[in-house]
Amino acid sequence: MSHIIGARCGTKLMLYEREKQVEVLINDPTSHSYIPESRFDHCSSFVGKNLYVHRGVSCSFSGPVVEEYDPQSERWNRRSTTGDVPEAKSGIACAHRENKLYTFGGEIMPKLCSNVLSELDTSSMIWSTLSPRDQQNVPYPRKDAAMISFKDYLVVFGGFGGTSITKVWTNEVSLFDIKRSKKYMLIQSLH
């Protein structure tokens, strides 16, 4: 398991390899290859052997792109995406399953959060929105939630958000069935 470490609007971006307990510089400013801009409040996940980084807050970063790091070649690529690109810019939760990157929620603009669940097919780089057939138990709009994939489910936990009138930290746990019913199941909701 590895983690991205970056500085706010800085230039140093590191990959920490937990097994080796070593930090590796992965955006060497002396190289002539593409170097991503440092940011915070982004989401990142390994899909297959590559790391994908989506959105976040930076000095000037924007647009429907996902950045991909290939540890084998030690190179970054800026990948354009199409389809139904998620609106949220920061505080997005993400997880992966097979060749798909999933994102949930996030902040669209200050004080406006999303509860949209999106899927990026990393083979085609096309986004799609996963709309549950049943609108019951759809999670609150929020940012800064955590998400994991487990078997055929995406599990969303916690975060900060709610309605346009009331914003709260939540420990709500929701499961989304990817394969079968494509509906949310509310496991826990205590605000």
Protein backbone atom coordinates (compact mmCIF):
# COMPACT_ATOMS: atom_id res chain seq x y z
CA MET A 1 0.00 0.00 0.00
CA SER A 2 1.36 3.42 -0.91
CA HIS A 3 0.28 6.97 -0.18
CA ILE A 4 0.62 10.27 -2.02
CA ILE A 5 2.12 13.10 -0.03
CA GLY A 6 2.07 16.61 -1.46
CA ALA A 7 2.50 20.20 -0.41
CA ARG A 8 -0.10 22.92 -0.90
CA CYS A 9 0.73 24.65 -4.20
CA GLY A 10 4.28 23.38 -3.87
CA THR A 11 6.36 21.32 -6.23
CA LYS A 12 7.36 18.29 -4.16
CA LEU A 13 5.20 15.20 -4.67
CA MET A 14 6.24 11.99 -2.95
CA LEU A 15 5.13 8.38 -3.03
CA TYR A 16 5.57 6.62 0.29
CA GLU A 17 6.16 2.90 -0.04
CA ARG A 18 5.05 1.50 3.29
CA GLU A 19 6.59 -1.95 2.78
CA LYS A 20 10.05 -0.47 2.18
CA GLN A 21 9.46 2.48 4.53
CA VAL A 22 10.90 4.87 1.99
CA GLU A 23 9.74 8.05 0.26
CA VAL A 24 10.31 8.30 -3.47
CA LEU A 25 10.24 11.64 -5.32
CA ILE A 26 7.78 11.16 -8.19
CA ASN A 27 7.77 14.57 -9.80
CA ASP A 28 11.42 15.36 -10.36
CA PRO A 29 11.45 18.97 -11.65
CA THR A 30 14.65 18.27 -13.61
CA SER A 31 12.96 15.63 -15.77
CA HIS A 32 11.44 16.60 -19.10
CA SER A 33 8.32 14.48 -18.68
CA TYR A 34 4.92 15.69 -17.48
CA ILE A 35 4.83 16.65 -13.79
CA PRO A 36 1.48 17.05 -11.99
CA GLU A 37 0.77 20.13 -9.95
CA SER A 38 0.81 19.63 -6.19
CA ARG A 39 -2.59 19.82 -4.52
CA PHE A 40 -4.57 18.83 -1.45
CA ASP A 41 -8.08 17.49 -0.83
CA HIS A 42 -7.82 15.27 -3.93
CA CYS A 43 -8.65 11.60 -4.26
CA SER A 44 -6.24 8.91 -5.38
CA SER A 45 -6.36 5.16 -5.78
CA PHE A 46 -4.40 2.40 -7.45
CA VAL A 47 -6.32 0.78 -10.29
CA GLY A 48 -4.38 -2.23 -11.50
CA LYS A 49 -0.70 -1.26 -11.32
CA ASN A 50 -1.19 2.50 -11.86
CA LEU A 51 -2.07 5.30 -9.47
CA TYR A 52 -4.90 7.63 -10.52
CA VAL A 53 -5.26 11.11 -9.02
CA HIS A 54 -8.50 13.05 -9.49
CA ARG A 55 -9.14 16.75 -8.87
CA GLY A 56 -8.29 18.46 -5.59
CA VAL A 57 -7.43 22.05 -4.68
CA SER A 58 -4.35 23.56 -6.29
CA CYS A 59 -3.10 26.91 -7.50
CA SER A 60 -4.46 26.53 -11.03
CA PHE A 61 -5.53 22.93 -11.74
CA SER A 62 -8.90 22.38 -13.41
CA GLY A 63 -10.55 20.50 -16.23
CA PRO A 64 -11.86 17.01 -16.93
CA VAL A 65 -8.56 15.20 -16.57
CA VAL A 66 -7.22 12.43 -14.39
CA GLU A 67 -3.52 12.07 -13.74
CA GLU A 68 -2.01 8.61 -13.93
CA TYR A 69 1.30 7.48 -12.45
CA ASP A 70 2.96 4.32 -13.76
CA PRO A 71 5.45 3.05 -11.14
CA GLN A 72 7.10 0.74 -13.71
CA SER A 73 8.14 3.57 -16.03
CA GLU A 74 8.19 6.17 -13.23
CA ARG A 75 6.18 8.53 -15.46
CA TRP A 76 3.06 10.64 -15.05
CA ASN A 77 0.44 11.07 -17.78
CA ARG A 78 -2.33 13.61 -17.94
CA ARG A 79 -5.34 11.66 -19.26
CA SER A 80 -8.30 13.49 -20.76
CA THR A 81 -11.68 12.08 -19.85
CA THR A 82 -15.12 12.28 -21.42
CA GLY A 83 -18.64 11.35 -20.45
CA ASP A 84 -20.50 12.51 -17.37
CA VAL A 85 -17.52 14.07 -15.50
CA PRO A 86 -18.29 14.63 -11.78
CA GLU A 87 -18.81 18.27 -10.80
CA ALA A 88 -17.13 18.06 -7.41
CA LYS A 89 -13.68 19.62 -7.21
CA SER A 90 -12.38 18.59 -3.77
CA GLY A 91 -13.10 16.41 -0.77
CA ILE A 92 -14.09 13.54 -3.07
CA ALA A 93 -14.10 9.96 -1.77
CA CYS A 94 -12.76 7.31 -4.12
CA ALA A 95 -12.21 3.57 -4.38
CA HIS A 96 -11.43 1.10 -7.13
CA ARG A 97 -12.68 -2.25 -8.32
CA GLU A 98 -11.18 -4.11 -11.28
CA ASN A 99 -10.39 -1.45 -13.94
CA LYS A 100 -12.83 1.12 -12.56
CA LEU A 101 -12.28 4.16 -10.35
CA TYR A 102 -15.35 5.18 -8.32
CA THR A 103 -15.91 8.61 -6.79
CA PHE A 104 -18.55 9.81 -4.35
CA GLY A 105 -19.62 13.26 -3.24
CA GLY A 106 -17.21 16.11 -2.70
CA GLU A 107 -17.46 19.88 -2.67
CA ILE A 108 -18.70 21.56 -5.85
CA MET A 109 -18.21 25.08 -4.46
CA PRO A 110 -18.00 26.41 -0.91
CA LYS A 111 -21.00 25.20 1.11
CA LEU A 112 -22.39 23.10 -1.77
CA CYS A 113 -21.68 19.36 -1.63
CA SER A 114 -22.58 16.49 -3.93
CA ASN A 115 -23.91 12.98 -3.34
CA VAL A 116 -23.23 11.79 -6.87
CA LEU A 117 -21.61 8.39 -7.34
CA SER A 118 -19.51 8.19 -10.52
CA GLU A 119 -17.51 5.51 -12.29
CA LEU A 120 -14.45 6.01 -14.48
CA ASP A 121 -13.59 3.15 -16.83
CA THR A 122 -9.80 3.46 -16.93
CA SER A 123 -9.64 1.48 -20.20
CA SER A 124 -11.71 4.04 -22.14
CA MET A 125 -11.36 7.05 -19.76
CA ILE A 126 -15.14 7.57 -19.91
CA TRP A 127 -17.07 8.71 -16.83
CA SER A 128 -20.62 7.60 -16.08
CA THR A 129 -22.98 8.44 -13.23
CA LEU A 130 -24.31 5.49 -11.26
CA SER A 131 -27.92 6.30 -10.46
CA PRO A 132 -29.68 3.94 -8.10
CA ARG A 133 -32.91 2.45 -9.43
CA ASP A 134 -34.44 3.09 -6.02
CA GLN A 135 -34.01 6.65 -4.68
CA GLN A 136 -34.59 5.44 -1.12
CA ASN A 137 -31.65 5.72 1.29
CA VAL A 138 -29.53 7.91 -1.03
CA PRO A 139 -26.72 9.30 1.18
CA TYR A 140 -26.54 12.94 2.25
CA PRO A 141 -24.50 15.25 0.02
CA ARG A 142 -21.09 15.54 1.68
CA LYS A 143 -17.36 16.02 1.34
CA ASP A 144 -14.42 14.34 3.08
CA ALA A 145 -16.11 10.93 3.32
CA ALA A 146 -14.21 7.65 3.04
CA MET A 147 -15.07 4.95 0.52
CA ILE A 148 -13.87 1.38 -0.04
CA SER A 149 -14.92 -1.40 -2.36
CA PHE A 150 -15.86 -4.73 -0.80
CA LYS A 151 -16.99 -7.60 -3.01
CA ASP A 152 -19.82 -6.14 -5.17
CA TYR A 153 -20.35 -3.13 -2.91
CA LEU A 154 -19.05 0.38 -2.49
CA VAL A 155 -19.09 1.39 1.17
CA VAL A 156 -19.31 5.13 1.96
CA PHE A 157 -18.59 6.25 5.53
CA GLY A 158 -18.75 9.59 7.30
CA GLY A 159 -17.92 13.02 5.96
CA PHE A 160 -19.18 16.57 6.38
CA GLY A 161 -22.34 17.78 4.69
CA GLY A 162 -26.09 17.48 4.73
CA THR A 163 -28.81 19.77 3.48
CA SER A 164 -28.42 23.35 2.27
CA ILE A 165 -29.71 24.50 5.67
CA THR A 166 -27.88 22.16 8.05
CA LYS A 167 -24.30 20.89 7.71
CA VAL A 168 -23.00 18.24 10.11
CA TRP A 169 -20.26 15.67 10.53
CA THR A 170 -21.83 12.28 10.01
CA ASN A 171 -21.01 8.68 10.73
CA GLU A 172 -23.58 7.41 8.22
CA VAL A 173 -22.55 4.15 6.52
CA SER A 174 -24.09 3.37 3.12
CA LEU A 175 -23.56 0.43 0.78
CA PHE A 176 -24.12 0.68 -2.97
CA ASP A 177 -24.64 -2.59 -4.82
CA ILE A 178 -22.64 -2.23 -8.06
CA LYS A 179 -23.59 -5.45 -9.78
CA ARG A 180 -27.15 -6.37 -8.91
CA SER A 181 -29.80 -3.96 -7.73
CA LYS A 182 -27.76 -0.77 -7.92
CA LYS A 183 -29.46 0.58 -4.84
CA TYR A 184 -28.23 2.06 -1.56
CA MET A 185 -28.65 0.30 1.72
CA LEU A 186 -28.37 2.49 4.79
CA ILE A 187 -26.40 0.58 7.41
CA GLN A 188 -26.05 3.26 10.08
CA SER A 189 -27.23 6.84 10.37
CA LEU A 190 -26.36 8.66 13.57
CA HIS A 191 -25.54 12.35 13.21
